[in-house]
PDB file of N, CA and C in Angstrom:
ATOM      1  N   MET A   1     -76.779  21.494  40.712  1.00  0.00           N
ATOM      2  CA  MET A   1     -76.162  21.217  39.436  1.00  0.00           C
ATOM      3  C   MET A   1     -75.168  20.069  39.634  1.00  0.00           C
ATOM      4  N   LEU A   2     -75.176  19.119  38.742  1.00  0.00           N
ATOM      5  CA  LEU A   2     -74.332  17.940  38.834  1.00  0.00           C
ATOM      6  C   LEU A   2     -72.985  18.185  38.164  1.00  0.00           C
ATOM      7  N   GLY A   3     -71.906  17.840  38.833  1.00  0.00           N
ATOM      8  CA  GLY A   3     -70.580  17.948  38.240  1.00  0.00           C
ATOM      9  C   GLY A   3     -70.015  19.357  38.308  1.00  0.00           C
ATOM     10  N   ASP A   4     -68.992  19.616  37.488  1.00  0.00           N
ATOM     11  CA  ASP A   4     -68.290  20.899  37.480  1.00  0.00           C
ATOM     12  C   ASP A   4     -68.674  21.761  36.285  1.00  0.00           C
ATOM     13  N   HIS A   5     -69.872  21.530  35.710  1.00  0.00           N
ATOM     14  CA  HIS A   5     -70.255  22.251  34.495  1.00  0.00           C
ATOM     15  C   HIS A   5     -70.208  23.771  34.677  1.00  0.00           C
ATOM     16  N   PHE A   6     -70.637  24.257  35.821  1.00  0.00           N
ATOM     17  CA  PHE A   6     -70.658  25.698  36.031  1.00  0.00           C
ATOM     18  C   PHE A   6     -69.242  26.280  36.006  1.00  0.00           C
ATOM     19  N   LEU A   7     -68.243  25.505  36.442  1.00  0.00           N
ATOM     20  CA  LEU A   7     -66.866  25.980  36.393  1.00  0.00           C
ATOM     21  C   LEU A   7     -66.342  25.994  34.963  1.00  0.00           C
ATOM     22  N   LYS A   8     -66.723  25.008  34.179  1.00  0.00           N
ATOM     23  CA  LYS A   8     -66.299  24.954  32.780  1.00  0.00           C
ATOM     24  C   LYS A   8     -66.901  26.109  31.991  1.00  0.00           C
ATOM     25  N   GLU A   9     -68.163  26.425  32.274  1.00  0.00           N
ATOM     26  CA  GLU A   9     -68.847  27.506  31.566  1.00  0.00           C
ATOM     27  C   GLU A   9     -68.252  28.865  31.899  1.00  0.00           C
ATOM     28  N   GLN A  10     -67.618  29.001  33.059  1.00  0.00           N
ATOM     29  CA  GLN A  10     -67.016  30.262  33.474  1.00  0.00           C
ATOM     30  C   GLN A  10     -65.661  30.499  32.816  1.00  0.00           C
ATOM     31  N   GLY A  11     -65.163  29.517  32.062  1.00  0.00           N
ATOM     32  CA  GLY A  11     -63.868  29.671  31.399  1.00  0.00           C
ATOM     33  C   GLY A  11     -62.696  29.640  32.363  1.00  0.00           C
ATOM     34  N   LEU A  12     -62.796  28.834  33.402  1.00  0.00           N
ATOM     35  CA  LEU A  12     -61.750  28.776  34.421  1.00  0.00           C
ATOM     36  C   LEU A  12     -60.691  27.714  34.147  1.00  0.00           C
ATOM     37  N   GLY A  13     -60.688  27.154  32.934  1.00  0.00           N
ATOM     38  CA  GLY A  13     -59.643  26.206  32.573  1.00  0.00           C
ATOM     39  C   GLY A  13     -59.967  24.754  32.827  1.00  0.00           C
ATOM     40  N   PHE A  14     -61.196  24.449  33.172  1.00  0.00           N
ATOM     41  CA  PHE A  14     -61.580  23.063  33.383  1.00  0.00           C
ATOM     42  C   PHE A  14     -61.903  22.420  32.043  1.00  0.00           C
ATOM     43  N   THR A  15     -61.629  21.149  31.942  1.00  0.00           N
ATOM     44  CA  THR A  15     -61.862  20.450  30.683  1.00  0.00           C
ATOM     45  C   THR A  15     -62.513  19.096  30.931  1.00  0.00           C
ATOM     46  N   ALA A  16     -63.211  18.623  29.937  1.00  0.00           N
ATOM     47  CA  ALA A  16     -63.822  17.300  30.023  1.00  0.00           C
ATOM     48  C   ALA A  16     -62.959  16.265  29.315  1.00  0.00           C
ATOM     49  N   VAL A  17     -61.751  16.621  28.936  1.00  0.00           N
ATOM     50  CA  VAL A  17     -60.852  15.695  28.255  1.00  0.00           C
ATOM     51  C   VAL A  17     -60.201  14.803  29.305  1.00  0.00           C
ATOM     52  N   PRO A  18     -60.376  13.487  29.203  1.00  0.00           N
ATOM     53  CA  PRO A  18     -59.822  12.596  30.230  1.00  0.00           C
ATOM     54  C   PRO A  18     -58.316  12.413  30.098  1.00  0.00           C
ATOM     55  N   HIS A  19     -57.697  12.096  31.210  1.00  0.00           N
ATOM     56  CA  HIS A  19     -56.295  11.675  31.214  1.00  0.00           C
ATOM     57  C   HIS A  19     -56.304  10.165  31.031  1.00  0.00           C
ATOM     58  N   VAL A  20     -55.574   9.683  30.051  1.00  0.00           N
ATOM     59  CA  VAL A  20     -55.537   8.248  29.786  1.00  0.00           C
ATOM     60  C   VAL A  20     -54.090   7.784  29.847  1.00  0.00           C
ATOM     61  N   ALA A  21     -53.839   6.805  30.678  1.00  0.00           N
ATOM     62  CA  ALA A  21     -52.517   6.189  30.760  1.00  0.00           C
ATOM     63  C   ALA A  21     -52.676   4.725  30.389  1.00  0.00           C
ATOM     64  N   GLU A  22     -51.869   4.265  29.493  1.00  0.00           N
ATOM     65  CA  GLU A  22     -51.984   2.879  29.038  1.00  0.00           C
ATOM     66  C   GLU A  22     -50.730   2.116  29.425  1.00  0.00           C
ATOM     67  N   ARG A  23     -50.930   1.030  30.105  1.00  0.00           N
ATOM     68  CA  ARG A  23     -49.835   0.131  30.465  1.00  0.00           C
ATOM     69  C   ARG A  23     -50.296  -1.267  30.107  1.00  0.00           C
ATOM     70  N   VAL A  24     -49.640  -1.872  29.149  1.00  0.00           N
ATOM     71  CA  VAL A  24     -50.023  -3.215  28.733  1.00  0.00           C
ATOM     72  C   VAL A  24     -48.784  -4.091  28.740  1.00  0.00           C
ATOM     73  N   VAL A  25     -48.618  -4.815  29.826  1.00  0.00           N
ATOM     74  CA  VAL A  25     -47.525  -5.774  29.957  1.00  0.00           C
ATOM     75  C   VAL A  25     -48.117  -6.987  30.663  1.00  0.00           C
ATOM     76  N   ILE A  26     -48.663  -7.895  29.895  1.00  0.00           N
ATOM     77  CA  ILE A  26     -49.302  -9.067  30.485  1.00  0.00           C
ATOM     78  C   ILE A  26     -48.684 -10.311  29.875  1.00  0.00           C
ATOM     79  N   ALA A  27     -47.986 -11.061  30.690  1.00  0.00           N
ATOM     80  CA  ALA A  27     -47.407 -12.327  30.247  1.00  0.00           C
ATOM     81  C   ALA A  27     -48.460 -13.418  30.414  1.00  0.00           C
ATOM     82  N   PRO A  28     -48.379 -14.460  29.609  1.00  0.00           N
ATOM     83  CA  PRO A  28     -49.347 -15.562  29.756  1.00  0.00           C
ATOM     84  C   PRO A  28     -49.366 -16.079  31.195  1.00  0.00           C
ATOM     85  N   GLY A  29     -50.556 -16.214  31.730  1.00  0.00           N
ATOM     86  CA  GLY A  29     -50.713 -16.702  33.094  1.00  0.00           C
ATOM     87  C   GLY A  29     -50.653 -15.617  34.156  1.00  0.00           C
ATOM     88  N   ASP A  30     -50.272 -14.380  33.780  1.00  0.00           N
ATOM     89  CA  ASP A  30     -50.214 -13.278  34.739  1.00  0.00           C
ATOM     90  C   ASP A  30     -51.575 -12.615  34.883  1.00  0.00           C
ATOM     91  N   ASP A  31     -51.757 -11.910  35.986  1.00  0.00           N
ATOM     92  CA  ASP A  31     -52.957 -11.117  36.207  1.00  0.00           C
ATOM     93  C   ASP A  31     -52.700  -9.691  35.742  1.00  0.00           C
ATOM     94  N   ALA A  32     -53.754  -8.948  35.530  1.00  0.00           N
ATOM     95  CA  ALA A  32     -53.665  -7.531  35.203  1.00  0.00           C
ATOM     96  C   ALA A  32     -54.793  -6.822  35.925  1.00  0.00           C
ATOM     97  N   ALA A  33     -54.736  -5.506  35.939  1.00  0.00           N
ATOM     98  CA  ALA A  33     -55.787  -4.730  36.573  1.00  0.00           C
ATOM     99  C   ALA A  33     -56.050  -3.473  35.762  1.00  0.00           C
ATOM    100  N   LEU A  34     -57.282  -3.033  35.810  1.00  0.00           N
ATOM    101  CA  LEU A  34     -57.703  -1.793  35.174  1.00  0.00           C
ATOM    102  C   LEU A  34     -58.215  -0.882  36.276  1.00  0.00           C
ATOM    103  N   VAL A  35     -57.679   0.334  36.348  1.00  0.00           N
ATOM    104  CA  VAL A  35     -58.114   1.308  37.345  1.00  0.00           C
ATOM    105  C   VAL A  35     -58.844   2.427  36.619  1.00  0.00           C
ATOM    106  N   ILE A  36     -60.089   2.628  36.988  1.00  0.00           N
ATOM    107  CA  ILE A  36     -60.873   3.746  36.471  1.00  0.00           C
ATOM    108  C   ILE A  36     -61.163   4.634  37.670  1.00  0.00           C
ATOM    109  N   ALA A  37     -60.751   5.901  37.581  1.00  0.00           N
ATOM    110  CA  ALA A  37     -60.901   6.773  38.746  1.00  0.00           C
ATOM    111  C   ALA A  37     -61.123   8.219  38.325  1.00  0.00           C
ATOM    112  N   SER A  38     -61.714   8.970  39.229  1.00  0.00           N
ATOM    113  CA  SER A  38     -61.936  10.395  39.008  1.00  0.00           C
ATOM    114  C   SER A  38     -60.649  11.170  39.294  1.00  0.00           C
ATOM    115  N   ASP A  39     -60.686  12.449  38.950  1.00  0.00           N
ATOM    116  CA  ASP A  39     -59.491  13.272  39.147  1.00  0.00           C
ATOM    117  C   ASP A  39     -59.140  13.457  40.615  1.00  0.00           C
ATOM    118  N   GLY A  40     -60.060  13.135  41.514  1.00  0.00           N
ATOM    119  CA  GLY A  40     -59.725  13.204  42.935  1.00  0.00           C
ATOM    120  C   GLY A  40     -58.585  12.271  43.299  1.00  0.00           C
ATOM    121  N   LEU A  41     -58.463  11.159  42.596  1.00  0.00           N
ATOM    122  CA  LEU A  41     -57.319  10.262  42.795  1.00  0.00           C
ATOM    123  C   LEU A  41     -56.121  10.750  42.000  1.00  0.00           C
ATOM    124  N   TRP A  42     -56.347  11.042  40.701  1.00  0.00           N
ATOM    125  CA  TRP A  42     -55.211  11.357  39.819  1.00  0.00           C
ATOM    126  C   TRP A  42     -54.562  12.696  40.127  1.00  0.00           C
ATOM    127  N   ASP A  43     -55.254  13.592  40.843  1.00  0.00           N
ATOM    128  CA  ASP A  43     -54.637  14.853  41.248  1.00  0.00           C
ATOM    129  C   ASP A  43     -53.526  14.637  42.268  1.00  0.00           C
ATOM    130  N   VAL A  44     -53.593  13.527  43.030  1.00  0.00           N
ATOM    131  CA  VAL A  44     -52.626  13.307  44.109  1.00  0.00           C
ATOM    132  C   VAL A  44     -51.801  12.024  43.925  1.00  0.00           C
ATOM    133  N   THR A  45     -52.028  11.289  42.833  1.00  0.00           N
ATOM    134  CA  THR A  45     -51.370  10.005  42.641  1.00  0.00           C
ATOM    135  C   THR A  45     -50.937   9.849  41.189  1.00  0.00           C
ATOM    136  N   SER A  46     -49.702   9.451  40.982  1.00  0.00           N
ATOM    137  CA  SER A  46     -49.244   9.186  39.615  1.00  0.00           C
ATOM    138  C   SER A  46     -49.722   7.806  39.169  1.00  0.00           C
ATOM    139  N   SER A  47     -49.708   7.582  37.878  1.00  0.00           N
ATOM    140  CA  SER A  47     -50.084   6.265  37.349  1.00  0.00           C
ATOM    141  C   SER A  47     -49.155   5.183  37.895  1.00  0.00           C
ATOM    142  N   ASP A  48     -47.867   5.492  37.983  1.00  0.00           N
ATOM    143  CA  ASP A  48     -46.901   4.506  38.489  1.00  0.00           C
ATOM    144  C   ASP A  48     -47.168   4.169  39.957  1.00  0.00           C
ATOM    145  N   ARG A  49     -47.477   5.177  40.754  1.00  0.00           N
ATOM    146  CA  ARG A  49     -47.757   4.934  42.180  1.00  0.00           C
ATOM    147  C   ARG A  49     -49.038   4.115  42.334  1.00  0.00           C
ATOM    148  N   ALA A  50     -50.055   4.442  41.555  1.00  0.00           N
ATOM    149  CA  ALA A  50     -51.298   3.676  41.612  1.00  0.00           C
ATOM    150  C   ALA A  50     -51.050   2.229  41.206  1.00  0.00           C
ATOM    151  N   ALA A  51     -50.257   2.019  40.157  1.00  0.00           N
ATOM    152  CA  ALA A  51     -49.943   0.660  39.707  1.00  0.00           C
ATOM    153  C   ALA A  51     -49.221  -0.117  40.803  1.00  0.00           C
ATOM    154  N   ALA A  52     -48.312   0.539  41.510  1.00  0.00           N
ATOM    155  CA  ALA A  52     -47.574  -0.129  42.591  1.00  0.00           C
ATOM    156  C   ALA A  52     -48.512  -0.507  43.740  1.00  0.00           C
ATOM    157  N   LEU A  53     -49.429   0.387  44.091  1.00  0.00           N
ATOM    158  CA  LEU A  53     -50.379   0.090  45.171  1.00  0.00           C
ATOM    159  C   LEU A  53     -51.300  -1.062  44.793  1.00  0.00           C
ATOM    160  N   VAL A  54     -51.765  -1.066  43.548  1.00  0.00           N
ATOM    161  CA  VAL A  54     -52.646  -2.141  43.084  1.00  0.00           C
ATOM    162  C   VAL A  54     -51.891  -3.461  43.036  1.00  0.00           C
ATOM    163  N   ALA A  55     -50.673  -3.443  42.507  1.00  0.00           N
ATOM    164  CA  ALA A  55     -49.873  -4.673  42.419  1.00  0.00           C
ATOM    165  C   ALA A  55     -49.620  -5.254  43.801  1.00  0.00           C
ATOM    166  N   ARG A  56     -49.308  -4.405  44.757  1.00  0.00           N
ATOM    167  CA  ARG A  56     -49.058  -4.879  46.123  1.00  0.00           C
ATOM    168  C   ARG A  56     -50.306  -5.532  46.702  1.00  0.00           C
ATOM    169  N   ALA A  57     -51.462  -4.927  46.471  1.00  0.00           N
ATOM    170  CA  ALA A  57     -52.702  -5.488  47.009  1.00  0.00           C
ATOM    171  C   ALA A  57     -53.057  -6.807  46.326  1.00  0.00           C
ATOM    172  N   LEU A  58     -52.830  -6.893  45.013  1.00  0.00           N
ATOM    173  CA  LEU A  58     -53.197  -8.113  44.293  1.00  0.00           C
ATOM    174  C   LEU A  58     -52.242  -9.265  44.563  1.00  0.00           C
ATOM    175  N   THR A  59     -50.953  -8.980  44.685  1.00  0.00           N
ATOM    176  CA  THR A  59     -49.981 -10.056  44.886  1.00  0.00           C
ATOM    177  C   THR A  59     -49.751 -10.364  46.357  1.00  0.00           C
ATOM    178  N   GLY A  60     -50.078  -9.430  47.223  1.00  0.00           N
ATOM    179  CA  GLY A  60     -49.832  -9.629  48.646  1.00  0.00           C
ATOM    180  C   GLY A  60     -50.991 -10.230  49.396  1.00  0.00           C
ATOM    181  N   GLY A  61     -52.041 -10.612  48.688  1.00  0.00           N
ATOM    182  CA  GLY A  61     -53.186 -11.213  49.366  1.00  0.00           C
ATOM    183  C   GLY A  61     -53.930 -10.236  50.251  1.00  0.00           C
ATOM    184  N   GLU A  62     -53.950  -8.962  49.853  1.00  0.00           N
ATOM    185  CA  GLU A  62     -54.595  -7.929  50.664  1.00  0.00           C
ATOM    186  C   GLU A  62     -55.998  -7.612  50.166  1.00  0.00           C
ATOM    187  N   GLY A  63     -56.789  -8.631  49.853  1.00  0.00           N
ATOM    188  CA  GLY A  63     -58.184  -8.406  49.517  1.00  0.00           C
ATOM    189  C   GLY A  63     -58.497  -8.301  48.038  1.00  0.00           C
ATOM    190  N   GLY A  64     -57.583  -8.662  47.167  1.00  0.00           N
ATOM    191  CA  GLY A  64     -57.858  -8.656  45.737  1.00  0.00           C
ATOM    192  C   GLY A  64     -58.185  -7.273  45.216  1.00  0.00           C
ATOM    193  N   ALA A  65     -59.117  -7.206  44.245  1.00  0.00           N
ATOM    194  CA  ALA A  65     -59.478  -5.938  43.624  1.00  0.00           C
ATOM    195  C   ALA A  65     -60.111  -4.984  44.642  1.00  0.00           C
ATOM    196  N   CYS A  66     -60.898  -5.529  45.553  1.00  0.00           N
ATOM    197  CA  CYS A  66     -61.509  -4.701  46.593  1.00  0.00           C
ATOM    198  C   CYS A  66     -60.434  -4.086  47.494  1.00  0.00           C
ATOM    199  N   GLY A  67     -59.460  -4.897  47.871  1.00  0.00           N
ATOM    200  CA  GLY A  67     -58.356  -4.393  48.681  1.00  0.00           C
ATOM    201  C   GLY A  67     -57.533  -3.353  47.942  1.00  0.00           C
ATOM    202  N   ALA A  68     -57.360  -3.538  46.632  1.00  0.00           N
ATOM    203  CA  ALA A  68     -56.624  -2.570  45.817  1.00  0.00           C
ATOM    204  C   ALA A  68     -57.377  -1.240  45.778  1.00  0.00           C
ATOM    205  N   ALA A  69     -58.695  -1.306  45.612  1.00  0.00           N
ATOM    206  CA  ALA A  69     -59.501  -0.077  45.602  1.00  0.00           C
ATOM    207  C   ALA A  69     -59.418   0.635  46.945  1.00  0.00           C
ATOM    208  N   GLU A  70     -59.476  -0.141  48.014  1.00  0.00           N
ATOM    209  CA  GLU A  70     -59.366   0.460  49.344  1.00  0.00           C
ATOM    210  C   GLU A  70     -57.998   1.102  49.556  1.00  0.00           C
ATOM    211  N   ALA A  71     -56.933   0.464  49.044  1.00  0.00           N
ATOM    212  CA  ALA A  71     -55.590   1.024  49.173  1.00  0.00           C
ATOM    213  C   ALA A  71     -55.476   2.342  48.405  1.00  0.00           C
ATOM    214  N   LEU A  72     -56.051   2.400  47.207  1.00  0.00           N
ATOM    215  CA  LEU A  72     -56.022   3.636  46.425  1.00  0.00           C
ATOM    216  C   LEU A  72     -56.810   4.741  47.121  1.00  0.00           C
ATOM    217  N   MET A  73     -57.970   4.396  47.665  1.00  0.00           N
ATOM    218  CA  MET A  73     -58.791   5.386  48.372  1.00  0.00           C
ATOM    219  C   MET A  73     -58.054   5.906  49.602  1.00  0.00           C
ATOM    220  N   ALA A  74     -57.457   4.995  50.365  1.00  0.00           N
ATOM    221  CA  ALA A  74     -56.713   5.408  51.556  1.00  0.00           C
ATOM    222  C   ALA A  74     -55.542   6.310  51.178  1.00  0.00           C
ATOM    223  N   HIS A  75     -54.885   6.001  50.067  1.00  0.00           N
ATOM    224  CA  HIS A  75     -53.768   6.826  49.598  1.00  0.00           C
ATOM    225  C   HIS A  75     -54.255   8.230  49.234  1.00  0.00           C
ATOM    226  N   ALA A  76     -55.381   8.313  48.521  1.00  0.00           N
ATOM    227  CA  ALA A  76     -55.919   9.624  48.139  1.00  0.00           C
ATOM    228  C   ALA A  76     -56.281  10.446  49.376  1.00  0.00           C
ATOM    229  N   VAL A  77     -56.875   9.793  50.373  1.00  0.00           N
ATOM    230  CA  VAL A  77     -57.240  10.486  51.614  1.00  0.00           C
ATOM    231  C   VAL A  77     -55.975  10.931  52.353  1.00  0.00           C
ATOM    232  N   ALA A  78     -54.972  10.046  52.422  1.00  0.00           N
ATOM    233  CA  ALA A  78     -53.715  10.393  53.106  1.00  0.00           C
ATOM    234  C   ALA A  78     -52.997  11.548  52.411  1.00  0.00           C
ATOM    235  N   GLN A  79     -53.164  11.638  51.092  1.00  0.00           N
ATOM    236  CA  GLN A  79     -52.542  12.726  50.327  1.00  0.00           C
ATOM    237  C   GLN A  79     -53.402  13.990  50.335  1.00  0.00           C
ATOM    238  N   ARG A  80     -54.525  13.929  51.053  1.00  0.00           N
ATOM    239  CA  ARG A  80     -55.445  15.056  51.234  1.00  0.00           C
ATOM    240  C   ARG A  80     -56.011  15.588  49.920  1.00  0.00           C
ATOM    241  N   SER A  81     -56.529  14.657  49.130  1.00  0.00           N
ATOM    242  CA  SER A  81     -57.186  15.053  47.893  1.00  0.00           C
ATOM    243  C   SER A  81     -58.284  16.062  48.206  1.00  0.00           C
ATOM    244  N   LYS A  82     -58.350  17.110  47.423  1.00  0.00           N
ATOM    245  CA  LYS A  82     -59.336  18.154  47.650  1.00  0.00           C
ATOM    246  C   LYS A  82     -60.586  17.969  46.797  1.00  0.00           C
ATOM    247  N   ASP A  83     -60.657  16.876  46.076  1.00  0.00           N
ATOM    248  CA  ASP A  83     -61.792  16.604  45.195  1.00  0.00           C
ATOM    249  C   ASP A  83     -62.420  15.280  45.597  1.00  0.00           C
ATOM    250  N   ASP A  84     -63.616  15.020  45.088  1.00  0.00           N
ATOM    251  CA  ASP A  84     -64.238  13.726  45.366  1.00  0.00           C
ATOM    252  C   ASP A  84     -63.415  12.633  44.692  1.00  0.00           C
ATOM    253  N   VAL A  85     -63.384  11.481  45.310  1.00  0.00           N
ATOM    254  CA  VAL A  85     -62.622  10.352  44.776  1.00  0.00           C
ATOM    255  C   VAL A  85     -63.592   9.219  44.502  1.00  0.00           C
ATOM    256  N   SER A  86     -63.730   8.891  43.236  1.00  0.00           N
ATOM    257  CA  SER A  86     -64.522   7.738  42.808  1.00  0.00           C
ATOM    258  C   SER A  86     -63.575   6.834  42.046  1.00  0.00           C
ATOM    259  N   LEU A  87     -63.604   5.541  42.363  1.00  0.00           N
ATOM    260  CA  LEU A  87     -62.684   4.660  41.656  1.00  0.00           C
ATOM    261  C   LEU A  87     -63.212   3.241  41.607  1.00  0.00           C
ATOM    262  N   MET A  88     -62.668   2.509  40.649  1.00  0.00           N
ATOM    263  CA  MET A  88     -63.009   1.105  40.487  1.00  0.00           C
ATOM    264  C   MET A  88     -61.743   0.393  40.029  1.00  0.00           C
ATOM    265  N   VAL A  89     -61.500  -0.779  40.590  1.00  0.00           N
ATOM    266  CA  VAL A  89     -60.384  -1.626  40.183  1.00  0.00           C
ATOM    267  C   VAL A  89     -60.972  -2.916  39.646  1.00  0.00           C
ATOM    268  N   LEU A  90     -60.629  -3.232  38.429  1.00  0.00           N
ATOM    269  CA  LEU A  90     -61.096  -4.451  37.781  1.00  0.00           C
ATOM    270  C   LEU A  90     -59.896  -5.374  37.602  1.00  0.00           C
ATOM    271  N   ARG A  91     -59.963  -6.552  38.206  1.00  0.00           N
ATOM    272  CA  ARG A  91     -58.880  -7.531  38.070  1.00  0.00           C
ATOM    273  C   ARG A  91     -59.135  -8.377  36.834  1.00  0.00           C
ATOM    274  N   ILE A  92     -58.127  -8.519  36.008  1.00  0.00           N
ATOM    275  CA  ILE A  92     -58.242  -9.269  34.761  1.00  0.00           C
ATOM    276  C   ILE A  92     -57.340 -10.485  34.864  1.00  0.00           C
ATOM    277  N   ARG A  93     -57.950 -11.641  34.729  1.00  0.00           N
ATOM    278  CA  ARG A  93     -57.199 -12.887  34.790  1.00  0.00           C
ATOM    279  C   ARG A  93     -57.355 -13.615  33.458  1.00  0.00           C
ATOM    280  N   PRO A  94     -56.311 -13.652  32.647  1.00  0.00           N
ATOM    281  CA  PRO A  94     -56.424 -14.390  31.390  1.00  0.00           C
ATOM    282  C   PRO A  94     -56.553 -15.881  31.674  1.00  0.00           C
ATOM    283  N   PRO A  95     -57.225 -16.605  30.785  1.00  0.00           N
ATOM    284  CA  PRO A  95     -57.368 -18.044  31.012  1.00  0.00           C
ATOM    285  C   PRO A  95     -56.005 -18.722  30.950  1.00  0.00           C
ATOM    286  N   PRO A  96     -55.833 -19.818  31.679  1.00  0.00           N
ATOM    287  CA  PRO A  96     -54.558 -20.528  31.622  1.00  0.00           C
ATOM    288  C   PRO A  96     -54.356 -21.135  30.240  1.00  0.00           C
ATOM    289  N   LEU A  97     -53.108 -21.242  29.850  1.00  0.00           N
ATOM    290  CA  LEU A  97     -52.801 -21.840  28.558  1.00  0.00           C
ATOM    291  C   LEU A  97     -52.868 -23.355  28.659  1.00  0.00           C
ATOM    292  N   SER A  98     -53.350 -23.983  27.603  1.00  0.00           N
ATOM    293  CA  SER A  98     -53.359 -25.443  27.550  1.00  0.00           C
ATOM    294  C   SER A  98     -51.971 -25.926  27.147  1.00  0.00           C
ATOM    295  N   ALA A  99     -51.783 -27.220  27.098  1.00  0.00           N
ATOM    296  CA  ALA A  99     -50.494 -27.779  26.701  1.00  0.00           C
ATOM    297  C   ALA A  99     -50.110 -27.345  25.292  1.00  0.00           C
ATOM    298  N   ALA A 100     -51.107 -27.077  24.439  1.00  0.00           N
ATOM    299  CA  ALA A 100     -50.835 -26.658  23.059  1.00  0.00           C
ATOM    300  C   ALA A 100     -50.543 -25.164  22.965  1.00  0.00           C
ATOM    301  N   GLY A 101     -50.648 -24.436  24.076  1.00  0.00           N
ATOM    302  CA  GLY A 101     -50.332 -23.018  24.067  1.00  0.00           C
ATOM    303  C   GLY A 101     -51.525 -22.115  23.781  1.00  0.00           C
ATOM    304  N   ALA A 102     -52.729 -22.653  23.740  1.00  0.00           N
ATOM    305  CA  ALA A 102     -53.925 -21.846  23.498  1.00  0.00           C
ATOM    306  C   ALA A 102     -54.844 -21.956  24.709  1.00  0.00           C
ATOM    307  N   PRO A 103     -55.650 -20.925  24.962  1.00  0.00           N
ATOM    308  CA  PRO A 103     -56.600 -21.015  26.068  1.00  0.00           C
ATOM    309  C   PRO A 103     -57.560 -22.178  25.852  1.00  0.00           C
ATOM    310  N   PRO A 104     -57.990 -22.841  26.927  1.00  0.00           N
ATOM    311  CA  PRO A 104     -58.945 -23.938  26.779  1.00  0.00           C
ATOM    312  C   PRO A 104     -60.204 -23.465  26.056  1.00  0.00           C
ATOM    313  N   GLY A 105     -60.690 -24.262  25.111  1.00  0.00           N
ATOM    314  CA  GLY A 105     -61.892 -23.926  24.367  1.00  0.00           C
ATOM    315  C   GLY A 105     -61.668 -23.024  23.177  1.00  0.00           C
ATOM    316  N   ALA A 106     -60.422 -22.606  22.950  1.00  0.00           N
ATOM    317  CA  ALA A 106     -60.140 -21.734  21.808  1.00  0.00           C
ATOM    318  C   ALA A 106     -60.328 -22.500  20.509  1.00  0.00           C
ATOM    319  N   LEU A 107     -60.783 -21.801  19.506  1.00  0.00           N
ATOM    320  CA  LEU A 107     -60.972 -22.422  18.205  1.00  0.00           C
ATOM    321  C   LEU A 107     -59.635 -22.583  17.497  1.00  0.00           C
ATOM    322  N   PRO A 108     -59.457 -23.642  16.739  1.00  0.00           N
ATOM    323  CA  PRO A 108     -58.249 -23.750  15.915  1.00  0.00           C
ATOM    324  C   PRO A 108     -58.191 -22.579  14.949  1.00  0.00           C
ATOM    325  N   ALA A 109     -57.007 -22.227  14.484  1.00  0.00           N
ATOM    326  CA  ALA A 109     -56.817 -21.068  13.613  1.00  0.00           C
ATOM    327  C   ALA A 109     -57.717 -21.126  12.383  1.00  0.00           C
ATOM    328  N   ALA A 110     -57.872 -22.304  11.772  1.00  0.00           N
ATOM    329  CA  ALA A 110     -58.698 -22.419  10.569  1.00  0.00           C
ATOM    330  C   ALA A 110     -60.154 -22.126  10.886  1.00  0.00           C
ATOM    331  N   ALA A 111     -60.657 -22.596  12.029  1.00  0.00           N
ATOM    332  CA  ALA A 111     -62.049 -22.378  12.396  1.00  0.00           C
ATOM    333  C   ALA A 111     -62.296 -20.929  12.802  1.00  0.00           C
ATOM    334  N   ALA A 112     -61.267 -20.252  13.289  1.00  0.00           N
ATOM    335  CA  ALA A 112     -61.415 -18.860  13.734  1.00  0.00           C
ATOM    336  C   ALA A 112     -61.232 -17.890  12.585  1.00  0.00           C
ATOM    337  N   GLY A 113     -61.031 -18.396  11.370  1.00  0.00           N
ATOM    338  CA  GLY A 113     -60.877 -17.516  10.220  1.00  0.00           C
ATOM    339  C   GLY A 113     -59.426 -17.231   9.886  1.00  0.00           C
ATOM    340  N   GLY A 114     -58.493 -17.872  10.599  1.00  0.00           N
ATOM    341  CA  GLY A 114     -57.094 -17.603  10.342  1.00  0.00           C
ATOM    342  C   GLY A 114     -56.443 -18.662   9.465  1.00  0.00           C
ATOM    343  N   GLY A 115     -57.220 -19.577   8.917  1.00  0.00           N
ATOM    344  CA  GLY A 115     -56.656 -20.655   8.105  1.00  0.00           C
ATOM    345  C   GLY A 115     -56.350 -20.210   6.684  1.00  0.00           C
ATOM    346  N   ALA A 116     -55.814 -21.123   5.917  1.00  0.00           N
ATOM    347  CA  ALA A 116     -55.467 -20.829   4.526  1.00  0.00           C
ATOM    348  C   ALA A 116     -56.726 -20.573   3.708  1.00  0.00           C
ATOM    349  N   ARG A 117     -56.618 -19.652   2.791  1.00  0.00           N
ATOM    350  CA  ARG A 117     -57.738 -19.336   1.922  1.00  0.00           C
ATOM    351  C   ARG A 117     -57.515 -19.932   0.558  1.00  0.00           C
ATOM    352  N   ARG A 118     -58.584 -20.382  -0.053  1.00  0.00           N
ATOM    353  CA  ARG A 118     -58.491 -20.979  -1.404  1.00  0.00           C
ATOM    354  C   ARG A 118     -59.008 -20.024  -2.441  1.00  0.00           C
TER     355      ARG A 118
END
């Protein structure tokens, strides 16, 4: 049987409702990261701790997103997670701003539908 369905059916308090933490603080020109992980990571790691580990890997030249994923996995193992740990780190790099303050290739406001209406 795949997953924990048999435990959920037994009424042991397991749920399929995900834990979602949202952190959105991205300044123009900054990088961001998205961490998607199973409860094997989140059972032993807070969102803040995971963010710190990812930030250190991304800014410290420790292998980019791959290095960040490895750091999170190593942390989960060091914390002796008792569940399987599946995770993915996606690095998000917004395009650089042009001299006019818009990403290169962006449509002017009028062409994008934001212009004055008659």
